[in-house]
Amino acid sequence: MSASILTVTLNPALDLSARVEHMVAGPKLRLQDVLREPGGGGVNVARVIHRLGGDVRAWVALGGATGAAHRAALDAQGVALHVFELPFATRENWAVSDADGAQFRLQLPGDPWPEGEAARALDDIASLGAALVVLSGSQPPGLAAEFPAQLAARIGAERLLADTSGPALGHLLRAPGAPLRLLRLDQAEAETQAGHPLESAQDTARFAARLQAQGVAAMICIARGAEGNILADASGCLQCIPPQVPVRSKIGAGDSFTGAFTWALAQGRSAAEALRQGTAAAAATVMSAGTALCAPQDVQALAAACNVMALDRDAR
């Protein structure tokens, strides 16, 4: 039986976070408060949707002993899982925070996918069926930049929400096929693709509206950090600004946005309300330590304090 939402994680990681007094070169550093969590963009999206009470299944490419540990951790959280077996070990990521509040994030690239695995993955994802499919996170080495577009063509672009990066994101923007349901970018990605700084929310709104008008996606969302998120669709542009919150860790904030946003859409809520829920989930996640994600009660409280406003995308 298929879930209403399927998340896809091509390059998952076992996320390890810890504390250290001072991050300095040379001596052995004794880590404290080590936490192991199943990680990767789509995995985090699924964890958030599950926490919020949503019907979700996580498609995850896993392999080796690390993959087994990742699977066990995800199973322990009660997230429905579909494992795509790979012939090598799943990567690990580290996040180390020091007493001064600085956080150091160390990420392995992952092993290259062997020839033929991409086609097998497309077949496997398409066989599962879901009203909405979320492709989130980086792509592993050896996977073509065209993969998201191939997935969109295979399952129907109107069912696909994407939050990817690098060449895969560039291909979606340069050679759009049928419009995706949603494409999400962060501030740095948007500025890279625009080719210039997006200094104001209005600048971001104009860029998002241009991508939407070009047929990249029915909805374009761009994150602006503490300034919240900009959403452009056929009806116009919105900005949602969260209340100020204490920042403990930014890991998973973008995935939390995508998870809460997608679950709101699956419930039939408006784009404006989905934007509010996503913004609240991202803010709730930065309040959490290490690789922990948002708590539902925090999302609910912050959503009530989020400010949604219309922006004039044509203003100069």
Protein backbone atom coordinates (compact mmCIF):
# COMPACT_ATOMS: atom_id res chain seq x y z
CA MET A 1 0.00 0.00 0.00
CA SER A 2 1.49 3.35 -1.03
CA ALA A 3 1.78 6.36 1.25
CA SER A 4 0.34 9.72 0.20
CA ILE A 5 3.90 11.16 0.24
CA LEU A 6 7.09 9.42 -0.91
CA THR A 7 10.47 10.98 -0.17
CA VAL A 8 13.54 10.06 -2.21
CA THR A 9 17.08 10.16 -0.78
CA LEU A 10 19.80 9.26 -3.29
CA ASN A 11 22.81 10.14 -1.12
CA PRO A 12 21.87 9.50 2.53
CA ALA A 13 24.28 9.66 5.44
CA LEU A 14 24.49 8.44 9.00
CA ASP A 15 24.65 11.81 10.76
CA LEU A 16 26.83 12.01 13.85
CA SER A 17 26.91 15.10 16.05
CA ALA A 18 28.89 15.87 19.20
CA ARG A 19 30.21 18.62 21.46
CA VAL A 20 33.80 19.56 22.18
CA GLU A 21 35.16 22.29 24.46
CA HIS A 22 37.45 23.84 21.87
CA MET A 23 37.95 22.86 18.23
CA VAL A 24 41.73 23.23 17.77
CA ALA A 25 44.30 21.57 15.55
CA GLY A 26 46.87 19.21 17.06
CA PRO A 27 45.72 17.49 20.26
CA LYS A 28 43.20 14.68 20.50
CA LEU A 29 39.75 16.13 21.01
CA ARG A 30 37.42 14.30 23.41
CA LEU A 31 33.88 14.37 22.04
CA GLN A 32 30.83 14.47 24.30
CA ASP A 33 27.09 14.03 23.84
CA VAL A 34 27.46 11.98 20.66
CA LEU A 35 24.18 11.62 18.77
CA ARG A 36 23.54 9.35 15.77
CA GLU A 37 20.65 10.12 13.46
CA PRO A 38 19.52 8.83 10.04
CA GLY A 39 20.31 11.67 7.65
CA GLY A 40 19.98 12.86 4.09
CA GLY A 41 17.57 15.37 2.57
CA GLY A 42 14.62 13.10 1.83
CA VAL A 43 15.14 11.16 5.06
CA ASN A 44 14.87 14.35 7.10
CA VAL A 45 11.80 15.41 5.12
CA ALA A 46 10.16 12.06 5.90
CA ARG A 47 11.10 12.30 9.60
CA VAL A 48 9.46 15.71 9.84
CA ILE A 49 6.28 14.65 8.04
CA HIS A 50 6.06 11.58 10.29
CA ARG A 51 6.51 13.72 13.41
CA LEU A 52 3.72 16.02 12.25
CA GLY A 53 1.37 13.06 11.81
CA GLY A 54 1.65 12.70 8.03
CA ASP A 55 1.37 9.60 5.85
CA VAL A 56 4.86 9.22 4.40
CA ARG A 57 7.26 6.57 3.14
CA ALA A 58 11.00 7.10 2.74
CA TRP A 59 12.76 5.61 -0.30
CA VAL A 60 16.44 5.47 0.69
CA ALA A 61 19.51 4.12 -1.14
CA LEU A 62 21.52 2.24 1.51
CA GLY A 63 24.39 -0.22 1.69
CA GLY A 64 26.93 -1.88 3.99
CA ALA A 65 27.21 -1.74 7.77
CA THR A 66 26.63 2.01 7.87
CA GLY A 67 23.50 1.56 5.81
CA ALA A 68 22.27 -1.09 8.26
CA ALA A 69 22.83 1.32 11.16
CA HIS A 70 21.00 4.05 9.24
CA ARG A 71 18.08 1.72 8.59
CA ALA A 72 17.89 0.65 12.23
CA ALA A 73 17.86 4.28 13.38
CA LEU A 74 15.09 5.19 10.95
CA ASP A 75 13.07 2.09 11.89
CA ALA A 76 13.38 3.07 15.56
CA GLN A 77 11.66 6.38 14.77
CA GLY A 78 8.73 4.58 13.17
CA VAL A 79 9.17 5.99 9.65
CA ALA A 80 7.91 3.65 6.89
CA LEU A 81 10.93 2.71 4.79
CA HIS A 82 11.70 1.32 1.35
CA VAL A 83 15.37 0.39 1.00
CA PHE A 84 17.10 0.51 -2.38
CA GLU A 85 20.11 -1.74 -1.87
CA LEU A 86 23.52 -0.53 -3.08
CA PRO A 87 26.79 -2.53 -3.20
CA PHE A 88 28.81 -0.16 -0.97
CA ALA A 89 28.63 1.40 2.47
CA THR A 90 26.48 4.45 3.14
CA ARG A 91 28.51 7.57 3.95
CA GLU A 92 28.80 9.37 7.29
CA ASN A 93 28.60 13.06 8.15
CA TRP A 94 29.89 14.83 11.27
CA ALA A 95 28.72 18.00 12.99
CA VAL A 96 30.86 19.15 15.93
CA SER A 97 29.87 22.14 18.08
CA ASP A 98 32.23 23.89 20.50
CA ALA A 99 31.64 25.84 23.71
CA ASP A 100 31.64 29.15 21.81
CA GLY A 101 28.65 28.07 19.72
CA ALA A 102 30.58 27.49 16.49
CA GLN A 103 29.58 24.41 14.49
CA PHE A 104 31.89 22.48 12.17
CA ARG A 105 30.17 20.32 9.52
CA LEU A 106 32.22 17.58 7.84
CA GLN A 107 30.60 15.71 4.97
CA LEU A 108 31.80 12.76 2.91
CA PRO A 109 30.81 12.73 -0.79
CA GLY A 110 29.58 9.14 -0.96
CA ASP A 111 30.72 6.43 -3.37
CA PRO A 112 29.94 6.70 -7.11
CA TRP A 113 26.92 4.77 -8.31
CA PRO A 114 27.75 1.91 -10.68
CA GLU A 115 26.42 2.00 -14.24
CA GLY A 116 22.81 0.91 -14.49
CA GLU A 117 21.83 1.82 -10.92
CA ALA A 118 20.12 5.05 -11.99
CA ALA A 119 17.76 3.22 -14.35
CA ARG A 120 17.03 0.64 -11.66
CA ALA A 121 16.30 3.43 -9.17
CA LEU A 122 13.88 5.15 -11.55
CA ASP A 123 11.99 1.88 -12.04
CA ASP A 124 11.88 1.28 -8.30
CA ILE A 125 10.63 4.77 -7.38
CA ALA A 126 7.99 4.76 -10.12
CA SER A 127 6.68 1.39 -8.94
CA LEU A 128 5.76 2.67 -5.48
CA GLY A 129 3.14 5.26 -6.32
CA ALA A 130 2.36 8.34 -4.22
CA ALA A 131 0.31 11.48 -4.63
CA LEU A 132 3.41 13.61 -3.97
CA VAL A 133 7.08 12.68 -4.41
CA VAL A 134 9.80 14.74 -2.71
CA LEU A 135 13.34 14.51 -4.11
CA SER A 136 15.61 16.17 -1.55
CA GLY A 137 19.34 16.28 -0.91
CA SER A 138 22.55 16.02 -2.89
CA GLN A 139 23.20 13.53 -5.66
CA PRO A 140 25.95 10.90 -5.29
CA PRO A 141 28.96 10.93 -7.60
CA GLY A 142 28.34 9.15 -10.87
CA LEU A 143 24.66 10.09 -11.12
CA ALA A 144 23.76 12.27 -14.10
CA ALA A 145 22.56 15.82 -13.60
CA GLU A 146 19.50 14.87 -15.64
CA PHE A 147 18.21 12.45 -12.98
CA PRO A 148 15.60 14.81 -11.42
CA ALA A 149 14.24 15.67 -14.87
CA GLN A 150 14.14 11.97 -15.76
CA LEU A 151 12.25 11.25 -12.55
CA ALA A 152 9.79 14.07 -13.29
CA ALA A 153 9.13 12.68 -16.76
CA ARG A 154 8.67 9.19 -15.36
CA ILE A 155 6.20 9.93 -12.53
CA GLY A 156 4.61 13.16 -13.78
CA ALA A 157 6.24 16.51 -13.07
CA GLU A 158 3.14 17.83 -11.26
CA ARG A 159 3.74 15.23 -8.52
CA LEU A 160 7.40 16.10 -7.93
CA LEU A 161 8.75 18.55 -5.34
CA ALA A 162 12.53 19.01 -5.60
CA ASP A 163 15.17 20.46 -3.30
CA THR A 164 18.49 19.56 -4.87
CA SER A 165 21.78 21.31 -5.61
CA GLY A 166 24.79 21.53 -7.91
CA PRO A 167 24.57 20.29 -11.51
CA ALA A 168 21.16 18.67 -10.90
CA LEU A 169 19.68 22.02 -9.87
CA GLY A 170 21.40 23.76 -12.77
CA HIS A 171 19.91 21.30 -15.25
CA LEU A 172 16.38 21.81 -13.88
CA LEU A 173 16.77 25.57 -14.36
CA ARG A 174 18.47 25.49 -17.77
CA ALA A 175 16.35 22.83 -19.44
CA PRO A 176 12.94 22.76 -17.79
CA GLY A 177 10.46 20.20 -19.02
CA ALA A 178 6.91 20.17 -17.66
CA PRO A 179 6.73 22.35 -14.52
CA LEU A 180 7.50 20.60 -11.23
CA ARG A 181 5.05 21.03 -8.36
CA LEU A 182 7.74 22.85 -6.34
CA LEU A 183 11.40 23.77 -6.62
CA ARG A 184 13.11 25.01 -3.46
CA LEU A 185 16.45 26.85 -3.33
CA ASP A 186 18.39 28.42 -0.49
CA GLN A 187 19.80 31.93 -0.65
CA ALA A 188 23.28 30.91 -1.83
CA GLU A 189 21.91 28.62 -4.54
CA ALA A 190 19.52 31.30 -5.77
CA GLU A 191 22.29 33.91 -5.99
CA THR A 192 24.56 31.47 -7.82
CA GLN A 193 21.86 30.70 -10.37
CA ALA A 194 20.86 34.37 -10.70
CA GLY A 195 24.50 35.36 -11.24
CA HIS A 196 24.32 38.27 -8.78
CA PRO A 197 23.43 39.00 -5.15
CA LEU A 198 19.75 39.06 -4.20
CA GLU A 199 20.09 41.78 -1.61
CA SER A 200 16.45 42.26 -0.69
CA ALA A 201 13.33 40.16 -0.37
CA GLN A 202 12.02 42.03 -3.40
CA ASP A 203 15.06 40.96 -5.44
CA THR A 204 14.42 37.36 -4.45
CA ALA A 205 10.72 37.66 -5.30
CA ARG A 206 11.54 38.93 -8.81
CA PHE A 207 13.97 36.07 -9.39
CA ALA A 208 11.51 33.48 -8.07
CA ALA A 209 8.71 34.91 -10.20
CA ARG A 210 10.93 34.76 -13.29
CA LEU A 211 11.68 31.08 -12.71
CA GLN A 212 8.01 30.36 -12.18
CA ALA A 213 7.04 32.22 -15.36
CA GLN A 214 9.67 30.26 -17.31
CA GLY A 215 7.87 27.05 -16.39
CA VAL A 216 10.51 25.59 -14.05
CA ALA A 217 7.89 24.80 -11.39
CA ALA A 218 4.36 25.76 -10.46
CA MET A 219 5.80 27.05 -7.19
CA ILE A 220 9.29 28.41 -6.58
CA CYS A 221 10.44 28.80 -2.98
CA ILE A 222 13.65 30.57 -1.96
CA ALA A 223 14.91 30.67 1.62
CA ARG A 224 16.38 33.88 3.04
CA GLY A 225 17.56 32.67 6.45
CA ALA A 226 16.24 34.76 9.32
CA GLU A 227 14.15 36.74 6.79
CA GLY A 228 12.08 33.63 6.18
CA ASN A 229 10.98 32.29 2.81
CA ILE A 230 9.75 33.69 -0.50
CA LEU A 231 7.14 31.78 -2.53
CA ALA A 232 6.16 32.55 -6.11
CA ASP A 233 3.28 30.91 -7.94
CA ALA A 234 0.82 31.90 -10.66
CA SER A 235 -1.13 34.11 -8.23
CA GLY A 236 1.83 36.20 -7.06
CA CYS A 237 4.61 36.27 -4.46
CA LEU A 238 4.49 35.82 -0.69
CA GLN A 239 7.05 36.24 2.05
CA CYS A 240 6.76 34.46 5.39
CA ILE A 241 8.91 35.85 8.23
CA PRO A 242 9.36 33.75 11.38
CA PRO A 243 9.72 35.17 14.88
CA GLN A 244 13.25 35.43 16.28
CA VAL A 245 14.38 32.18 17.89
CA PRO A 246 17.58 31.05 19.62
CA VAL A 247 19.86 29.35 17.07
CA ARG A 248 21.45 26.09 18.24
CA SER A 249 21.95 24.28 14.92
CA LYS A 250 20.91 25.02 11.35
CA ILE A 251 21.22 21.39 10.23
CA GLY A 252 17.99 20.13 8.70
CA ALA A 253 16.20 23.48 8.65
CA GLY A 254 15.65 23.40 4.89
CA ASP A 255 14.48 19.79 4.99
CA SER A 256 12.10 20.66 7.82
CA PHE A 257 10.62 23.44 5.70
CA THR A 258 10.09 21.06 2.79
CA GLY A 259 8.55 18.41 5.02
CA ALA A 260 6.03 20.68 6.71
CA PHE A 261 5.25 22.47 3.42
CA THR A 262 4.60 19.18 1.61
CA TRP A 263 2.44 17.78 4.39
CA ALA A 264 0.34 20.95 4.38
CA LEU A 265 -0.19 20.61 0.62
CA ALA A 266 -1.11 16.93 1.01
CA GLN A 267 -3.79 18.01 3.49
CA GLY A 268 -5.28 20.39 0.91
CA ARG A 269 -4.09 23.58 2.62
CA SER A 270 -3.40 26.73 0.62
CA ALA A 271 0.06 27.69 -0.63
CA ALA A 272 0.11 30.53 1.92
CA GLU A 273 -0.63 28.16 4.79
CA ALA A 274 1.92 25.63 3.50
CA LEU A 275 4.47 28.47 3.45
CA ARG A 276 3.59 29.35 7.04
CA GLN A 277 3.91 25.74 8.24
CA GLY A 278 7.22 25.24 6.43
CA THR A 279 8.69 28.45 7.81
CA ALA A 280 7.64 27.51 11.33
CA ALA A 281 9.20 24.04 11.00
CA ALA A 282 12.50 25.50 9.80
CA ALA A 283 12.57 27.94 12.73
CA ALA A 284 11.74 25.15 15.17
CA THR A 285 14.60 23.05 13.84
CA VAL A 286 17.27 25.72 14.34
CA MET A 287 16.23 25.74 18.01
CA SER A 288 17.24 22.05 18.26
CA ALA A 289 20.75 20.80 19.00
CA GLY A 290 22.98 18.98 16.53
CA THR A 291 21.11 16.96 13.91
CA ALA A 292 17.83 16.87 15.85
CA LEU A 293 14.77 18.16 13.97
CA CYS A 294 11.70 20.21 14.87
CA ALA A 295 9.34 19.33 17.69
CA PRO A 296 5.64 19.41 16.65
CA GLN A 297 4.64 21.62 19.58
CA ASP A 298 7.28 24.18 18.57
CA VAL A 299 6.03 24.16 14.98
CA GLN A 300 2.49 24.81 16.15
CA ALA A 301 3.53 27.67 18.43
CA LEU A 302 5.80 29.32 15.89
CA ALA A 303 3.28 29.01 13.04
CA ALA A 304 0.91 31.28 14.93
CA ALA A 305 3.68 33.89 15.16
CA CYS A 306 4.83 33.73 11.53
CA ASN A 307 3.98 36.78 9.41
CA VAL A 308 2.82 36.09 5.82
CA MET A 309 2.69 39.09 3.48
CA ALA A 310 2.25 39.70 -0.23
CA LEU A 311 5.16 41.09 -2.26
CA ASP A 312 4.96 42.98 -5.53
CA ARG A 313 7.12 40.93 -7.86
CA ASP A 314 7.13 43.71 -10.47
CA ALA A 315 8.34 46.46 -8.10
CA ARG A 316 11.67 48.10 -8.90
